[in-house]
């Protein structure tokens, strides 16, 4: 497939007016030095400062710079979704607007995609300048969990600096807070050639971070949701049905065992406890009811899945 540009650089920004002039100048210098045909797509995620005014000034001066402005703050995933939708370059690079990602890394990442054939090259901030207690340690735990669940061996899943083949970003849908897991979305879409490149982490020069510690909790919950949807999204009965049957049978066997034990003791003239006085009996009934409800949940999930417009959506690599 022929592309009109070598590179599309997608930048999500929110209240970054101080860093934008330096960032744009840095990108323009690197692009000029390497002779790329490029575009910069700056998505203003509802900034309340003069960020959008700056973007419009850049676009008037340089026709390679394009801007998209949201009426309010929707989040990074929404910004990347629209940036990916607009991207026309052979390779799409994402980076943050806070000057912590270096444009100097882009040429090598571009080469790895074009010449080595990778679908995604993810940045790895091997040496960080963030607070160790509030950023580094939670980030390491978060990335370790992500590697175990996704099976993707990346040290820094959430690094904003990444390079993608254009085909990748056109075949995935980024929504909610799923921008953290674009490599996993790509893997589930059939793009499995994913690698990482150590990149230089710049100290924040202006402003403050827009993300707090809650992102790690939300990120873990999103990861569980994404894993469940990718594994059982089109076959919910495999999870709910199996779990329901297992609980139903376990509860049923326990209930029968409690009743049978009481009848045997009663028949032999031994002392016995009434069934209704045994906590195990009530636990068994709860297991039976939950198992039945889980099975019905799986059945309803199958009905919804079979009527979904996406039920036969598959990514085709090539047709001859």
C-alpha atoms as a PDB file:
ATOM      1  CA  UNK A   1       0.000   0.000   0.000  1.00  0.00           C
ATOM      2  CA  UNK A   2       1.242   3.451  -0.924  1.00  0.00           C
ATOM      3  CA  UNK A   3       1.233   6.201   1.696  1.00  0.00           C
ATOM      4  CA  UNK A   4       1.384   9.935   1.064  1.00  0.00           C
ATOM      5  CA  UNK A   5       3.707  10.480   4.024  1.00  0.00           C
ATOM      6  CA  UNK A   6       6.500   8.631   5.788  1.00  0.00           C
ATOM      7  CA  UNK A   7       5.455   9.597   9.288  1.00  0.00           C
ATOM      8  CA  UNK A   8       2.401  10.671  11.205  1.00  0.00           C
ATOM      9  CA  UNK A   9       3.222  11.986  14.687  1.00  0.00           C
ATOM     10  CA  UNK A  10       0.143  11.958  16.929  1.00  0.00           C
ATOM     11  CA  UNK A  11       0.364  14.112  20.062  1.00  0.00           C
ATOM     12  CA  UNK A  12      -2.325  14.181  22.728  1.00  0.00           C
ATOM     13  CA  UNK A  13      -2.133  17.337  24.827  1.00  0.00           C
ATOM     14  CA  UNK A  14      -3.936  18.878  27.761  1.00  0.00           C
ATOM     15  CA  UNK A  15      -2.848  22.254  29.162  1.00  0.00           C
ATOM     16  CA  UNK A  16       0.688  22.124  27.764  1.00  0.00           C
ATOM     17  CA  UNK A  17       1.016  25.654  26.341  1.00  0.00           C
ATOM     18  CA  UNK A  18       4.486  26.171  27.847  1.00  0.00           C
ATOM     19  CA  UNK A  19       6.065  23.058  26.342  1.00  0.00           C
ATOM     20  CA  UNK A  20       4.457  23.152  22.874  1.00  0.00           C
ATOM     21  CA  UNK A  21       6.770  25.691  21.135  1.00  0.00           C
ATOM     22  CA  UNK A  22       9.888  23.802  22.214  1.00  0.00           C
ATOM     23  CA  UNK A  23       8.358  20.432  21.286  1.00  0.00           C
ATOM     24  CA  UNK A  24       7.252  21.542  17.814  1.00  0.00           C
ATOM     25  CA  UNK A  25      10.624  23.126  17.082  1.00  0.00           C
ATOM     26  CA  UNK A  26      12.385  19.943  18.216  1.00  0.00           C
ATOM     27  CA  UNK A  27      10.192  17.739  15.989  1.00  0.00           C
ATOM     28  CA  UNK A  28      10.660  20.006  12.968  1.00  0.00           C
ATOM     29  CA  UNK A  29      14.430  19.935  13.373  1.00  0.00           C
ATOM     30  CA  UNK A  30      14.595  16.124  13.636  1.00  0.00           C
ATOM     31  CA  UNK A  31      12.255  15.654  10.649  1.00  0.00           C
ATOM     32  CA  UNK A  32      14.284  18.095   8.540  1.00  0.00           C
ATOM     33  CA  UNK A  33      17.591  16.417   9.419  1.00  0.00           C
ATOM     34  CA  UNK A  34      16.250  13.027   8.293  1.00  0.00           C
ATOM     35  CA  UNK A  35      14.359  14.229   5.220  1.00  0.00           C
ATOM     36  CA  UNK A  36      11.019  12.703   6.179  1.00  0.00           C
ATOM     37  CA  UNK A  37       7.735  13.580   4.543  1.00  0.00           C
ATOM     38  CA  UNK A  38       5.641  13.921   7.677  1.00  0.00           C
ATOM     39  CA  UNK A  39       2.617  15.323   9.443  1.00  0.00           C
ATOM     40  CA  UNK A  40       2.059  16.260  13.074  1.00  0.00           C
ATOM     41  CA  UNK A  41      -1.470  15.703  14.381  1.00  0.00           C
ATOM     42  CA  UNK A  42      -1.991  17.585  17.636  1.00  0.00           C
ATOM     43  CA  UNK A  43      -5.151  16.629  19.516  1.00  0.00           C
ATOM     44  CA  UNK A  44      -6.127  19.151  22.160  1.00  0.00           C
ATOM     45  CA  UNK A  45      -8.069  17.237  24.805  1.00  0.00           C
ATOM     46  CA  UNK A  46     -10.179  20.142  26.067  1.00  0.00           C
ATOM     47  CA  UNK A  47      -7.361  22.358  27.334  1.00  0.00           C
ATOM     48  CA  UNK A  48      -8.353  25.362  29.418  1.00  0.00           C
ATOM     49  CA  UNK A  49      -5.138  27.321  28.790  1.00  0.00           C
ATOM     50  CA  UNK A  50      -3.771  28.725  25.514  1.00  0.00           C
ATOM     51  CA  UNK A  51      -2.720  25.342  24.098  1.00  0.00           C
ATOM     52  CA  UNK A  52      -5.206  25.397  21.216  1.00  0.00           C
ATOM     53  CA  UNK A  53      -4.221  28.953  20.297  1.00  0.00           C
ATOM     54  CA  UNK A  54      -0.616  27.747  20.053  1.00  0.00           C
ATOM     55  CA  UNK A  55      -1.622  24.804  17.861  1.00  0.00           C
ATOM     56  CA  UNK A  56      -3.447  27.109  15.445  1.00  0.00           C
ATOM     57  CA  UNK A  57      -0.375  29.323  15.233  1.00  0.00           C
ATOM     58  CA  UNK A  58       1.819  26.325  14.432  1.00  0.00           C
ATOM     59  CA  UNK A  59      -0.623  25.119  11.752  1.00  0.00           C
ATOM     60  CA  UNK A  60      -0.679  28.539  10.064  1.00  0.00           C
ATOM     61  CA  UNK A  61       3.118  28.595   9.949  1.00  0.00           C
ATOM     62  CA  UNK A  62       3.681  24.955   8.977  1.00  0.00           C
ATOM     63  CA  UNK A  63       1.100  23.159   6.747  1.00  0.00           C
ATOM     64  CA  UNK A  64       2.430  19.799   7.973  1.00  0.00           C
ATOM     65  CA  UNK A  65       0.883  20.487  11.389  1.00  0.00           C
ATOM     66  CA  UNK A  66      -2.767  19.627  11.842  1.00  0.00           C
ATOM     67  CA  UNK A  67      -4.955  20.178  14.885  1.00  0.00           C
ATOM     68  CA  UNK A  68      -8.048  18.620  16.435  1.00  0.00           C
ATOM     69  CA  UNK A  69      -9.714  20.264  19.442  1.00  0.00           C
ATOM     70  CA  UNK A  70     -12.247  18.633  21.788  1.00  0.00           C
ATOM     71  CA  UNK A  71     -14.910  20.789  23.437  1.00  0.00           C
ATOM     72  CA  UNK A  72     -14.057  19.186  26.795  1.00  0.00           C
ATOM     73  CA  UNK A  73     -11.585  16.754  28.314  1.00  0.00           C
ATOM     74  CA  UNK A  74     -12.366  13.207  27.155  1.00  0.00           C
ATOM     75  CA  UNK A  75      -9.083  11.479  27.985  1.00  0.00           C
ATOM     76  CA  UNK A  76      -6.039  10.228  26.139  1.00  0.00           C
ATOM     77  CA  UNK A  77      -7.777   7.261  24.512  1.00  0.00           C
ATOM     78  CA  UNK A  78     -10.276   9.528  22.763  1.00  0.00           C
ATOM     79  CA  UNK A  79      -7.456  11.783  21.567  1.00  0.00           C
ATOM     80  CA  UNK A  80      -5.467   8.854  20.170  1.00  0.00           C
ATOM     81  CA  UNK A  81      -8.568   7.408  18.515  1.00  0.00           C
ATOM     82  CA  UNK A  82      -9.111  10.577  16.487  1.00  0.00           C
ATOM     83  CA  UNK A  83      -5.392  10.977  15.855  1.00  0.00           C
ATOM     84  CA  UNK A  84      -5.165   7.431  14.490  1.00  0.00           C
ATOM     85  CA  UNK A  85      -8.254   8.023  12.371  1.00  0.00           C
ATOM     86  CA  UNK A  86      -6.642  11.059  10.745  1.00  0.00           C
ATOM     87  CA  UNK A  87      -3.128   9.582  10.330  1.00  0.00           C
ATOM     88  CA  UNK A  88      -1.918   9.148   6.739  1.00  0.00           C
ATOM     89  CA  UNK A  89       1.713   8.185   7.297  1.00  0.00           C
ATOM     90  CA  UNK A  90       3.318   4.818   6.668  1.00  0.00           C
ATOM     91  CA  UNK A  91       4.448   4.787  10.306  1.00  0.00           C
ATOM     92  CA  UNK A  92       2.416   6.365  13.093  1.00  0.00           C
ATOM     93  CA  UNK A  93       4.300   7.611  16.149  1.00  0.00           C
ATOM     94  CA  UNK A  94       2.625   8.639  19.399  1.00  0.00           C
ATOM     95  CA  UNK A  95       4.299  10.844  21.962  1.00  0.00           C
ATOM     96  CA  UNK A  96       3.351  13.035  24.917  1.00  0.00           C
ATOM     97  CA  UNK A  97       3.421  16.821  24.781  1.00  0.00           C
ATOM     98  CA  UNK A  98       5.279  17.372  28.065  1.00  0.00           C
ATOM     99  CA  UNK A  99       8.815  17.090  26.596  1.00  0.00           C
ATOM    100  CA  UNK A 100       9.463  13.840  28.483  1.00  0.00           C
ATOM    101  CA  UNK A 101       9.549  11.955  25.159  1.00  0.00           C
ATOM    102  CA  UNK A 102      12.447  12.798  22.865  1.00  0.00           C
ATOM    103  CA  UNK A 103      11.793  13.215  19.099  1.00  0.00           C
ATOM    104  CA  UNK A 104      15.423  12.101  18.604  1.00  0.00           C
ATOM    105  CA  UNK A 105      14.202   8.518  19.144  1.00  0.00           C
ATOM    106  CA  UNK A 106      11.796   8.618  16.202  1.00  0.00           C
ATOM    107  CA  UNK A 107      14.224   7.862  13.309  1.00  0.00           C
ATOM    108  CA  UNK A 108      15.429   4.598  14.858  1.00  0.00           C
ATOM    109  CA  UNK A 109      11.912   3.522  15.764  1.00  0.00           C
ATOM    110  CA  UNK A 110      10.815   4.313  12.209  1.00  0.00           C
ATOM    111  CA  UNK A 111      13.670   2.200  10.850  1.00  0.00           C
ATOM    112  CA  UNK A 112      12.728  -0.741  13.084  1.00  0.00           C
ATOM    113  CA  UNK A 113       9.166  -0.699  11.741  1.00  0.00           C
ATOM    114  CA  UNK A 114      10.055  -0.184   8.074  1.00  0.00           C
ATOM    115  CA  UNK A 115      13.235  -2.248   7.747  1.00  0.00           C
ATOM    116  CA  UNK A 116      12.892  -4.881  10.456  1.00  0.00           C
ATOM    117  CA  UNK A 117       9.178  -5.390   9.906  1.00  0.00           C
ATOM    118  CA  UNK A 118       7.865  -4.824  13.428  1.00  0.00           C
ATOM    119  CA  UNK A 119       4.204  -3.976  13.903  1.00  0.00           C
ATOM    120  CA  UNK A 120       4.869  -1.983  17.068  1.00  0.00           C
ATOM    121  CA  UNK A 121       8.035  -0.569  18.603  1.00  0.00           C
ATOM    122  CA  UNK A 122       7.369   0.527  22.172  1.00  0.00           C
ATOM    123  CA  UNK A 123       9.597   2.891  24.090  1.00  0.00           C
ATOM    124  CA  UNK A 124      11.192   1.673  27.316  1.00  0.00           C
ATOM    125  CA  UNK A 125      12.172   4.397  29.773  1.00  0.00           C
ATOM    126  CA  UNK A 126      14.932   2.319  31.313  1.00  0.00           C
ATOM    127  CA  UNK A 127      16.223   5.176  33.454  1.00  0.00           C
ATOM    128  CA  UNK A 128      13.441   7.315  34.880  1.00  0.00           C
ATOM    129  CA  UNK A 129      13.515  10.657  36.652  1.00  0.00           C
ATOM    130  CA  UNK A 130      10.147  10.291  38.360  1.00  0.00           C
ATOM    131  CA  UNK A 131       9.568   9.942  42.092  1.00  0.00           C
ATOM    132  CA  UNK A 132      10.599   6.384  42.994  1.00  0.00           C
ATOM    133  CA  UNK A 133       7.926   5.878  45.625  1.00  0.00           C
ATOM    134  CA  UNK A 134       4.906   7.296  43.806  1.00  0.00           C
ATOM    135  CA  UNK A 135       5.806   6.475  40.184  1.00  0.00           C
ATOM    136  CA  UNK A 136       8.653   3.990  39.723  1.00  0.00           C
ATOM    137  CA  UNK A 137       7.657   1.230  42.151  1.00  0.00           C
ATOM    138  CA  UNK A 138       3.930   1.208  41.242  1.00  0.00           C
ATOM    139  CA  UNK A 139       4.928   1.304  37.547  1.00  0.00           C
ATOM    140  CA  UNK A 140       7.179  -1.758  37.927  1.00  0.00           C
ATOM    141  CA  UNK A 141       4.424  -3.709  39.680  1.00  0.00           C
ATOM    142  CA  UNK A 142       1.893  -2.610  37.075  1.00  0.00           C
ATOM    143  CA  UNK A 143       4.143  -3.632  34.165  1.00  0.00           C
ATOM    144  CA  UNK A 144       4.975  -6.983  35.772  1.00  0.00           C
ATOM    145  CA  UNK A 145       1.253  -7.732  36.094  1.00  0.00           C
ATOM    146  CA  UNK A 146       0.616  -6.627  32.512  1.00  0.00           C
ATOM    147  CA  UNK A 147       3.375  -8.901  31.190  1.00  0.00           C
ATOM    148  CA  UNK A 148       1.958 -11.903  33.044  1.00  0.00           C
ATOM    149  CA  UNK A 149      -1.616 -11.358  31.847  1.00  0.00           C
ATOM    150  CA  UNK A 150      -0.986 -10.258  28.261  1.00  0.00           C
ATOM    151  CA  UNK A 151       2.046 -12.413  27.488  1.00  0.00           C
ATOM    152  CA  UNK A 152       3.733  -9.384  25.860  1.00  0.00           C
ATOM    153  CA  UNK A 153       7.283  -8.946  27.132  1.00  0.00           C
ATOM    154  CA  UNK A 154       7.416  -5.163  27.434  1.00  0.00           C
ATOM    155  CA  UNK A 155       9.100  -3.451  30.359  1.00  0.00           C
ATOM    156  CA  UNK A 156       7.086  -0.237  29.939  1.00  0.00           C
ATOM    157  CA  UNK A 157       3.630  -0.984  28.537  1.00  0.00           C
ATOM    158  CA  UNK A 158       2.384   2.520  29.326  1.00  0.00           C
ATOM    159  CA  UNK A 159       5.185   4.479  27.649  1.00  0.00           C
ATOM    160  CA  UNK A 160       3.645   7.191  25.472  1.00  0.00           C
ATOM    161  CA  UNK A 161       6.406   6.995  22.857  1.00  0.00           C
ATOM    162  CA  UNK A 162       5.515   4.221  20.413  1.00  0.00           C
ATOM    163  CA  UNK A 163       5.769   3.585  16.672  1.00  0.00           C
ATOM    164  CA  UNK A 164       3.147   1.597  14.736  1.00  0.00           C
ATOM    165  CA  UNK A 165       2.634   0.393  11.229  1.00  0.00           C
ATOM    166  CA  UNK A 166      -0.295   2.352   9.817  1.00  0.00           C
ATOM    167  CA  UNK A 167      -2.261  -0.871   9.367  1.00  0.00           C
ATOM    168  CA  UNK A 168      -2.131  -1.502  13.109  1.00  0.00           C
ATOM    169  CA  UNK A 169      -3.792   1.753  14.185  1.00  0.00           C
ATOM    170  CA  UNK A 170      -6.451   1.404  11.491  1.00  0.00           C
ATOM    171  CA  UNK A 171      -7.477  -2.036  12.752  1.00  0.00           C
ATOM    172  CA  UNK A 172      -7.837  -1.388  16.483  1.00  0.00           C
ATOM    173  CA  UNK A 173     -10.295   0.703  18.447  1.00  0.00           C
ATOM    174  CA  UNK A 174      -8.945   2.679  21.404  1.00  0.00           C
ATOM    175  CA  UNK A 175     -11.648   3.629  23.902  1.00  0.00           C
ATOM    176  CA  UNK A 176     -12.171   4.294  27.609  1.00  0.00           C
ATOM    177  CA  UNK A 177      -8.702   4.151  29.184  1.00  0.00           C
ATOM    178  CA  UNK A 178      -7.385   1.428  26.877  1.00  0.00           C
ATOM    179  CA  UNK A 179      -4.543   3.573  25.514  1.00  0.00           C
ATOM    180  CA  UNK A 180      -2.382   1.845  28.138  1.00  0.00           C
ATOM    181  CA  UNK A 181      -2.901  -1.480  26.404  1.00  0.00           C
ATOM    182  CA  UNK A 182      -2.630  -0.688  22.703  1.00  0.00           C
ATOM    183  CA  UNK A 183       0.026  -3.430  22.257  1.00  0.00           C
ATOM    184  CA  UNK A 184      -2.433  -5.950  23.732  1.00  0.00           C
ATOM    185  CA  UNK A 185      -5.244  -4.661  21.499  1.00  0.00           C
ATOM    186  CA  UNK A 186      -2.911  -5.016  18.521  1.00  0.00           C
ATOM    187  CA  UNK A 187      -1.886  -8.530  19.532  1.00  0.00           C
ATOM    188  CA  UNK A 188      -5.542  -9.580  19.779  1.00  0.00           C
ATOM    189  CA  UNK A 189      -6.105  -8.086  16.319  1.00  0.00           C
ATOM    190  CA  UNK A 190      -3.364 -10.308  14.868  1.00  0.00           C
ATOM    191  CA  UNK A 191      -0.372  -7.948  14.965  1.00  0.00           C
ATOM    192  CA  UNK A 192       2.094  -9.975  16.998  1.00  0.00           C
ATOM    193  CA  UNK A 193       5.465  -8.513  15.977  1.00  0.00           C
ATOM    194  CA  UNK A 194       5.949  -6.294  19.003  1.00  0.00           C
ATOM    195  CA  UNK A 195       9.277  -5.175  20.418  1.00  0.00           C
ATOM    196  CA  UNK A 196      10.693  -2.395  22.555  1.00  0.00           C
ATOM    197  CA  UNK A 197      13.514   0.096  22.343  1.00  0.00           C
ATOM    198  CA  UNK A 198      15.215   1.783  25.323  1.00  0.00           C
ATOM    199  CA  UNK A 199      14.537   5.509  25.063  1.00  0.00           C
ATOM    200  CA  UNK A 200      15.788   8.537  26.926  1.00  0.00           C
ATOM    201  CA  UNK A 201      13.424   9.832  29.589  1.00  0.00           C
ATOM    202  CA  UNK A 202      13.426  13.607  29.940  1.00  0.00           C
ATOM    203  CA  UNK A 203      12.708  15.319  33.222  1.00  0.00           C
ATOM    204  CA  UNK A 204       9.435  17.259  33.206  1.00  0.00           C
ATOM    205  CA  UNK A 205      10.297  20.870  32.382  1.00  0.00           C
ATOM    206  CA  UNK A 206       6.934  22.618  32.670  1.00  0.00           C
ATOM    207  CA  UNK A 207       3.748  22.067  34.623  1.00  0.00           C
ATOM    208  CA  UNK A 208       2.762  18.982  36.583  1.00  0.00           C
ATOM    209  CA  UNK A 209       1.710  15.437  35.712  1.00  0.00           C
ATOM    210  CA  UNK A 210      -1.950  15.018  34.750  1.00  0.00           C
ATOM    211  CA  UNK A 211      -2.053  11.470  36.163  1.00  0.00           C
ATOM    212  CA  UNK A 212      -2.196  10.384  39.799  1.00  0.00           C
ATOM    213  CA  UNK A 213      -1.796   7.105  41.655  1.00  0.00           C
ATOM    214  CA  UNK A 214      -5.385   6.149  40.798  1.00  0.00           C
ATOM    215  CA  UNK A 215      -4.243   5.380  37.249  1.00  0.00           C
ATOM    216  CA  UNK A 216      -2.555   2.200  38.480  1.00  0.00           C
ATOM    217  CA  UNK A 217      -5.756   0.931  40.100  1.00  0.00           C
ATOM    218  CA  UNK A 218      -7.842   1.906  37.072  1.00  0.00           C
ATOM    219  CA  UNK A 219      -5.196   0.450  34.790  1.00  0.00           C
ATOM    220  CA  UNK A 220      -5.336  -2.925  36.535  1.00  0.00           C
ATOM    221  CA  UNK A 221      -9.141  -3.013  36.329  1.00  0.00           C
ATOM    222  CA  UNK A 222      -8.993  -2.095  32.637  1.00  0.00           C
ATOM    223  CA  UNK A 223      -6.445  -4.859  32.061  1.00  0.00           C
ATOM    224  CA  UNK A 224      -8.742  -7.453  33.659  1.00  0.00           C
ATOM    225  CA  UNK A 225     -11.668  -6.189  31.559  1.00  0.00           C
ATOM    226  CA  UNK A 226      -9.633  -6.303  28.364  1.00  0.00           C
ATOM    227  CA  UNK A 227      -8.318  -9.799  29.115  1.00  0.00           C
ATOM    228  CA  UNK A 228     -11.839 -11.064  29.822  1.00  0.00           C
ATOM    229  CA  UNK A 229     -13.323  -9.479  26.684  1.00  0.00           C
ATOM    230  CA  UNK A 230     -10.539 -10.732  24.441  1.00  0.00           C
ATOM    231  CA  UNK A 231     -10.773 -14.253  25.893  1.00  0.00           C
ATOM    232  CA  UNK A 232     -14.527 -14.692  26.358  1.00  0.00           C
ATOM    233  CA  UNK A 233     -16.052 -11.749  24.482  1.00  0.00           C
ATOM    234  CA  UNK A 234     -17.433 -13.952  21.686  1.00  0.00           C
ATOM    235  CA  UNK A 235     -17.972 -17.067  23.820  1.00  0.00           C
ATOM    236  CA  UNK A 236     -19.335 -15.951  27.226  1.00  0.00           C
ATOM    237  CA  UNK A 237     -20.883 -19.352  27.891  1.00  0.00           C
ATOM    238  CA  UNK A 238     -17.374 -20.857  28.064  1.00  0.00           C
ATOM    239  CA  UNK A 239     -16.750 -18.837  31.223  1.00  0.00           C
ATOM    240  CA  UNK A 240     -20.140 -18.311  32.848  1.00  0.00           C
ATOM    241  CA  UNK A 241     -21.542 -21.676  31.769  1.00  0.00           C
ATOM    242  CA  UNK A 242     -18.542 -23.671  32.956  1.00  0.00           C
ATOM    243  CA  UNK A 243     -18.313 -21.766  36.254  1.00  0.00           C
ATOM    244  CA  UNK A 244     -22.072 -22.065  36.773  1.00  0.00           C
ATOM    245  CA  UNK A 245     -22.162 -25.810  36.133  1.00  0.00           C
ATOM    246  CA  UNK A 246     -19.175 -26.331  38.429  1.00  0.00           C
ATOM    247  CA  UNK A 247     -20.823 -24.391  41.265  1.00  0.00           C
ATOM    248  CA  UNK A 248     -24.209 -26.046  40.670  1.00  0.00           C
ATOM    249  CA  UNK A 249     -22.726 -29.561  40.783  1.00  0.00           C
ATOM    250  CA  UNK A 250     -20.576 -28.742  43.818  1.00  0.00           C
ATOM    251  CA  UNK A 251     -23.562 -27.347  45.707  1.00  0.00           C
ATOM    252  CA  UNK A 252     -25.777 -30.243  44.680  1.00  0.00           C
ATOM    253  CA  UNK A 253     -23.252 -32.872  45.758  1.00  0.00           C
ATOM    254  CA  UNK A 254     -22.734 -31.157  49.122  1.00  0.00           C
ATOM    255  CA  UNK A 255     -26.500 -30.910  49.725  1.00  0.00           C
ATOM    256  CA  UNK A 256     -27.028 -34.593  48.883  1.00  0.00           C
ATOM    257  CA  UNK A 257     -24.092 -35.569  51.088  1.00  0.00           C
ATOM    258  CA  UNK A 258     -25.450 -33.607  54.080  1.00  0.00           C
ATOM    259  CA  UNK A 259     -28.937 -35.121  53.667  1.00  0.00           C
ATOM    260  CA  UNK A 260     -27.597 -38.650  53.105  1.00  0.00           C
ATOM    261  CA  UNK A 261     -25.354 -38.426  56.181  1.00  0.00           C
ATOM    262  CA  UNK A 262     -28.332 -37.395  58.323  1.00  0.00           C
ATOM    263  CA  UNK A 263     -30.515 -40.222  56.986  1.00  0.00           C
ATOM    264  CA  UNK A 264     -27.798 -42.834  57.548  1.00  0.00           C
ATOM    265  CA  UNK A 265     -27.215 -41.692  61.133  1.00  0.00           C
ATOM    266  CA  UNK A 266     -30.952 -41.600  61.786  1.00  0.00           C
ATOM    267  CA  UNK A 267     -31.450 -45.062  60.267  1.00  0.00           C
ATOM    268  CA  UNK A 268     -28.723 -46.552  62.492  1.00  0.00           C
ATOM    269  CA  UNK A 269     -30.170 -45.008  65.621  1.00  0.00           C
ATOM    270  CA  UNK A 270     -27.242 -42.637  66.068  1.00  0.00           C
ATOM    271  CA  UNK A 271     -27.469 -39.037  67.200  1.00  0.00           C
ATOM    272  CA  UNK A 272     -27.698 -36.582  64.341  1.00  0.00           C
ATOM    273  CA  UNK A 273     -28.060 -32.870  63.646  1.00  0.00           C
ATOM    274  CA  UNK A 274     -31.067 -31.722  61.654  1.00  0.00           C
ATOM    275  CA  UNK A 275     -30.145 -30.694  58.133  1.00  0.00           C
ATOM    276  CA  UNK A 276     -31.506 -27.178  58.699  1.00  0.00           C
ATOM    277  CA  UNK A 277     -29.055 -26.649  61.571  1.00  0.00           C
ATOM    278  CA  UNK A 278     -25.969 -27.338  59.463  1.00  0.00           C
ATOM    279  CA  UNK A 279     -24.279 -24.289  57.874  1.00  0.00           C
ATOM    280  CA  UNK A 280     -22.848 -26.508  55.115  1.00  0.00           C
ATOM    281  CA  UNK A 281     -26.361 -27.180  53.851  1.00  0.00           C
ATOM    282  CA  UNK A 282     -27.055 -23.473  53.371  1.00  0.00           C
ATOM    283  CA  UNK A 283     -23.692 -22.953  51.685  1.00  0.00           C
ATOM    284  CA  UNK A 284     -24.600 -25.780  49.327  1.00  0.00           C
ATOM    285  CA  UNK A 285     -27.934 -24.110  48.491  1.00  0.00           C
ATOM    286  CA  UNK A 286     -26.179 -20.795  47.846  1.00  0.00           C
ATOM    287  CA  UNK A 287     -23.737 -22.564  45.491  1.00  0.00           C
ATOM    288  CA  UNK A 288     -26.651 -24.178  43.609  1.00  0.00           C
ATOM    289  CA  UNK A 289     -28.452 -20.845  43.202  1.00  0.00           C
ATOM    290  CA  UNK A 290     -25.296 -18.984  42.139  1.00  0.00           C
ATOM    291  CA  UNK A 291     -24.420 -21.734  39.700  1.00  0.00           C
ATOM    292  CA  UNK A 292     -27.870 -21.525  38.140  1.00  0.00           C
ATOM    293  CA  UNK A 293     -27.620 -17.723  37.869  1.00  0.00           C
ATOM    294  CA  UNK A 294     -24.143 -17.874  36.316  1.00  0.00           C
ATOM    295  CA  UNK A 295     -25.372 -20.383  33.750  1.00  0.00           C
ATOM    296  CA  UNK A 296     -28.251 -18.072  32.845  1.00  0.00           C
ATOM    297  CA  UNK A 297     -25.786 -15.162  32.594  1.00  0.00           C
ATOM    298  CA  UNK A 298     -23.728 -17.157  30.099  1.00  0.00           C
ATOM    299  CA  UNK A 299     -26.861 -18.029  28.125  1.00  0.00           C
ATOM    300  CA  UNK A 300     -27.927 -14.367  27.943  1.00  0.00           C
ATOM    301  CA  UNK A 301     -24.358 -13.402  27.007  1.00  0.00           C
ATOM    302  CA  UNK A 302     -24.488 -15.859  24.103  1.00  0.00           C
ATOM    303  CA  UNK A 303     -27.782 -14.374  22.883  1.00  0.00           C
ATOM    304  CA  UNK A 304     -26.267 -10.871  22.959  1.00  0.00           C
ATOM    305  CA  UNK A 305     -23.028 -12.017  21.301  1.00  0.00           C
ATOM    306  CA  UNK A 306     -24.827 -13.829  18.477  1.00  0.00           C
ATOM    307  CA  UNK A 307     -26.876 -10.724  17.687  1.00  0.00           C
ATOM    308  CA  UNK A 308     -23.885  -8.358  17.780  1.00  0.00           C
ATOM    309  CA  UNK A 309     -22.847  -6.636  14.562  1.00  0.00           C
ATOM    310  CA  UNK A 310     -19.225  -7.499  15.421  1.00  0.00           C
ATOM    311  CA  UNK A 311     -19.798 -11.264  15.740  1.00  0.00           C
ATOM    312  CA  UNK A 312     -18.157 -11.963  12.375  1.00  0.00           C
ATOM    313  CA  UNK A 313     -15.603  -9.168  12.353  1.00  0.00           C
ATOM    314  CA  UNK A 314     -12.142 -10.570  11.607  1.00  0.00           C
ATOM    315  CA  UNK A 315      -8.963  -8.847  10.443  1.00  0.00           C
ATOM    316  CA  UNK A 316      -7.927 -10.135   7.024  1.00  0.00           C
ATOM    317  CA  UNK A 317      -4.230  -9.832   6.239  1.00  0.00           C
ATOM    318  CA  UNK A 318      -4.407 -10.236   2.467  1.00  0.00           C
ATOM    319  CA  UNK A 319      -6.574 -11.503  -0.369  1.00  0.00           C
ATOM    320  CA  UNK A 320      -5.332 -12.883  -3.675  1.00  0.00           C
END
